[in-house]
C-alpha cells in the first residue's frame, strides 16, 4: 500500500498486519492488510475502536467512521472479491488536523462507489427493496470521497472532519 509522504517516528506496535504510528505531521496512523473474509470487518472495527480511544476521538465519531468501513469492506468482499480465495485489501487510516482520513485499496474489478446513484430507501422496512442504504450512509458520513483506479487497484480515499467535543 502506498504510504503518504510524511516523516513519522517508528511504529509503536506491529502485529497481525497492524501498526499504529505516531509522527510529526500525523497524530496517528493505522495500517491493516485484510484477508478476503467478512470476519475481517470485526478486526477492523476493533482496531478502529482502539485507535480512536488512543487518539482521543469521540466514540460516536469513530462509530460513524466504522460504519462506513464496515459497508465498504463488506461490499468489496461480498461483491468485488466474491468467488475468489485470494484478493488484496489494504486499509490506512490517519488522524490529523481534526480529521480522520482513510485509503481503502482492493484488487477487485473496477467499481467507483461515487458513480453509483444512491437513493435512500423509501417506505417501511418490511416493504423496502434491498440495497441502497449503505452507500447512502457512506456519502452522508464522509466530508470528502475520491475514487481512482490505478494499476489494477481500486483506491478510495475518504475524509471525515471531527467535531470538537
Protein backbone atom coordinates (compact mmCIF):
# COMPACT_ATOMS: atom_id res chain seq x y z
CA UNK A 1 0.00 0.00 0.00
CA UNK A 2 1.17 3.49 -0.82
CA UNK A 3 2.37 5.42 2.18
CA UNK A 4 1.81 9.13 2.46
CA UNK A 5 4.92 11.26 2.16
CA UNK A 6 5.25 12.26 5.77
CA UNK A 7 8.05 11.87 8.24
CA UNK A 8 6.90 9.63 11.04
CA UNK A 9 8.56 8.06 14.03
CA UNK A 10 8.85 4.25 14.20
CA UNK A 11 5.72 2.15 14.71
CA UNK A 12 4.57 1.81 18.29
CA UNK A 13 3.11 -1.63 17.64
CA UNK A 14 3.16 -4.18 14.84
CA UNK A 15 1.22 -7.45 14.98
CA UNK A 16 -1.13 -9.27 12.63
CA UNK A 17 -0.61 -6.69 9.88
CA UNK A 18 -1.50 -3.81 12.22
CA UNK A 19 0.60 -0.81 13.07
CA UNK A 20 -0.16 2.42 14.83
CA UNK A 21 2.32 5.16 14.06
CA UNK A 22 2.85 8.48 15.79
CA UNK A 23 4.50 11.15 13.68
CA UNK A 24 5.27 14.81 13.30
CA UNK A 25 2.52 15.69 10.77
CA UNK A 26 0.12 12.91 11.58
CA UNK A 27 -1.23 12.49 15.08
CA UNK A 28 -1.74 8.75 14.48
CA UNK A 29 -1.89 6.19 11.71
CA UNK A 30 -3.36 2.71 11.48
CA UNK A 31 -2.35 0.34 8.64
CA UNK A 32 -4.02 -3.02 8.05
CA UNK A 33 -3.81 -5.82 5.49
CA UNK A 34 -7.08 -7.71 5.33
CA UNK A 35 -7.95 -11.19 4.19
CA UNK A 36 -10.82 -11.92 1.83
CA UNK A 37 -13.16 -12.90 4.68
CA UNK A 38 -16.08 -10.96 6.17
CA UNK A 39 -14.74 -11.86 9.64
CA UNK A 40 -12.03 -9.26 8.94
CA UNK A 41 -14.61 -6.50 9.35
CA UNK A 42 -14.79 -7.22 13.09
CA UNK A 43 -10.98 -6.91 13.31
CA UNK A 44 -11.14 -3.56 11.52
CA UNK A 45 -13.86 -2.28 13.87
CA UNK A 46 -11.97 -3.48 16.97
CA UNK A 47 -8.75 -1.88 15.72
CA UNK A 48 -10.53 1.37 14.85
CA UNK A 49 -12.14 1.45 18.31
CA UNK A 50 -8.72 1.01 19.95
CA UNK A 51 -7.14 3.55 17.59
CA UNK A 52 -9.91 6.08 18.27
CA UNK A 53 -9.54 5.68 22.03
CA UNK A 54 -5.76 6.14 21.83
CA UNK A 55 -6.26 9.26 19.67
CA UNK A 56 -8.96 10.80 21.89
CA UNK A 57 -11.60 10.55 19.16
CA UNK A 58 -15.18 10.62 20.44
CA UNK A 59 -16.66 7.09 20.34
CA UNK A 60 -19.69 8.19 18.27
CA UNK A 61 -17.41 9.68 15.61
CA UNK A 62 -15.28 6.52 15.49
CA UNK A 63 -18.54 4.54 15.23
CA UNK A 64 -19.67 6.55 12.18
CA UNK A 65 -16.31 6.00 10.54
CA UNK A 66 -16.53 2.31 11.43
CA UNK A 67 -19.97 2.00 9.83
CA UNK A 68 -18.56 3.40 6.60
CA UNK A 69 -15.62 0.99 6.65
CA UNK A 70 -17.92 -1.92 7.50
CA UNK A 71 -20.11 -1.15 4.49
CA UNK A 72 -17.25 -0.65 2.07
CA UNK A 73 -15.17 -3.66 3.14
CA UNK A 74 -18.20 -5.95 3.28
CA UNK A 75 -19.09 -4.87 -0.28
CA UNK A 76 -15.54 -5.49 -1.50
CA UNK A 77 -15.52 -9.00 -0.02
CA UNK A 78 -19.12 -9.91 -0.89
CA UNK A 79 -19.20 -8.49 -4.40
CA UNK A 80 -15.76 -7.46 -5.71
CA UNK A 81 -13.83 -10.47 -4.45
CA UNK A 82 -16.72 -12.95 -4.48
CA UNK A 83 -15.72 -16.47 -5.58
CA UNK A 84 -12.03 -15.71 -5.00
CA UNK A 85 -9.93 -17.23 -2.27
CA UNK A 86 -7.26 -14.60 -2.76
CA UNK A 87 -7.67 -10.87 -3.02
CA UNK A 88 -5.86 -7.86 -1.73
CA UNK A 89 -7.42 -5.37 0.64
CA UNK A 90 -5.31 -2.70 2.33
CA UNK A 91 -6.54 -0.04 4.72
CA UNK A 92 -4.70 3.01 6.03
CA UNK A 93 -6.33 5.40 8.48
CA UNK A 94 -4.83 8.67 9.67
CA UNK A 95 -5.88 11.10 12.34
CA UNK A 96 -4.53 14.56 11.59
CA UNK A 97 -5.64 18.17 11.69
CA UNK A 98 -9.05 17.38 13.21
CA UNK A 99 -9.91 14.78 10.56
CA UNK A 100 -9.99 11.04 10.10
CA UNK A 101 -8.71 10.14 6.63
CA UNK A 102 -8.53 6.69 5.11
CA UNK A 103 -7.43 4.99 1.93
CA UNK A 104 -9.07 1.66 1.09
CA UNK A 105 -7.39 -0.32 -1.68
CA UNK A 106 -8.51 -3.57 -3.30
CA UNK A 107 -7.73 -5.60 -6.42
CA UNK A 108 -11.32 -6.46 -7.30
CA UNK A 109 -12.91 -5.42 -10.58
CA UNK A 110 -13.25 -1.68 -11.16
CA UNK A 111 -16.01 -0.20 -9.02
CA UNK A 112 -16.50 3.50 -8.41
CA UNK A 113 -18.92 3.88 -5.48
CA UNK A 114 -19.18 7.59 -6.23
CA UNK A 115 -20.59 6.91 -9.69
CA UNK A 116 -23.30 4.69 -8.24
CA UNK A 117 -26.60 6.51 -7.86
CA UNK A 118 -27.77 6.35 -4.28
CA UNK A 119 -31.37 6.95 -3.40
CA UNK A 120 -32.32 6.48 0.23
CA UNK A 121 -34.83 3.64 0.58
CA UNK A 122 -38.45 4.70 0.95
CA UNK A 123 -41.34 3.11 2.78
CA UNK A 124 -41.42 0.90 5.82
CA UNK A 125 -38.62 -1.57 6.37
CA UNK A 126 -40.77 -4.62 5.63
CA UNK A 127 -41.56 -3.46 2.08
CA UNK A 128 -38.32 -1.78 1.04
CA UNK A 129 -36.19 -3.04 -1.79
CA UNK A 130 -32.87 -4.38 -0.50
CA UNK A 131 -29.83 -2.20 -1.14
CA UNK A 132 -29.01 1.47 -1.45
CA UNK A 133 -28.74 2.38 2.21
CA UNK A 134 -25.05 1.51 2.69
CA UNK A 135 -23.58 3.78 0.02
CA UNK A 136 -26.05 6.49 1.05
CA UNK A 137 -24.56 6.36 4.57
CA UNK A 138 -21.02 6.38 3.18
CA UNK A 139 -21.73 9.53 1.19
CA UNK A 140 -23.59 11.18 4.07
CA UNK A 141 -21.00 10.48 6.80
CA UNK A 142 -17.89 11.39 4.79
CA UNK A 143 -16.96 15.00 4.08
CA UNK A 144 -14.81 14.04 1.11
CA UNK A 145 -14.60 10.96 -1.11
CA UNK A 146 -12.26 10.35 -4.02
CA UNK A 147 -12.07 7.21 -6.20
CA UNK A 148 -9.32 6.22 -8.64
CA UNK A 149 -8.45 3.03 -10.49
CA UNK A 150 -4.65 2.75 -10.60
CA UNK A 151 -2.56 -0.21 -11.82
CA UNK A 152 -5.38 -2.72 -11.36
CA UNK A 153 -6.41 -1.46 -7.92
CA UNK A 154 -9.49 0.41 -6.72
CA UNK A 155 -8.39 3.26 -4.45
CA UNK A 156 -10.99 5.03 -2.37
CA UNK A 157 -9.85 7.96 -0.25
CA UNK A 158 -12.18 9.37 2.34
CA UNK A 159 -12.17 12.12 4.92
CA UNK A 160 -14.41 12.87 7.88
CA UNK A 161 -13.99 16.09 9.84
CA UNK A 162 -14.13 15.51 13.58
CA UNK A 163 -16.37 17.69 15.64
CA UNK A 164 -14.94 19.24 18.78
CA UNK A 165 -16.18 17.63 21.98
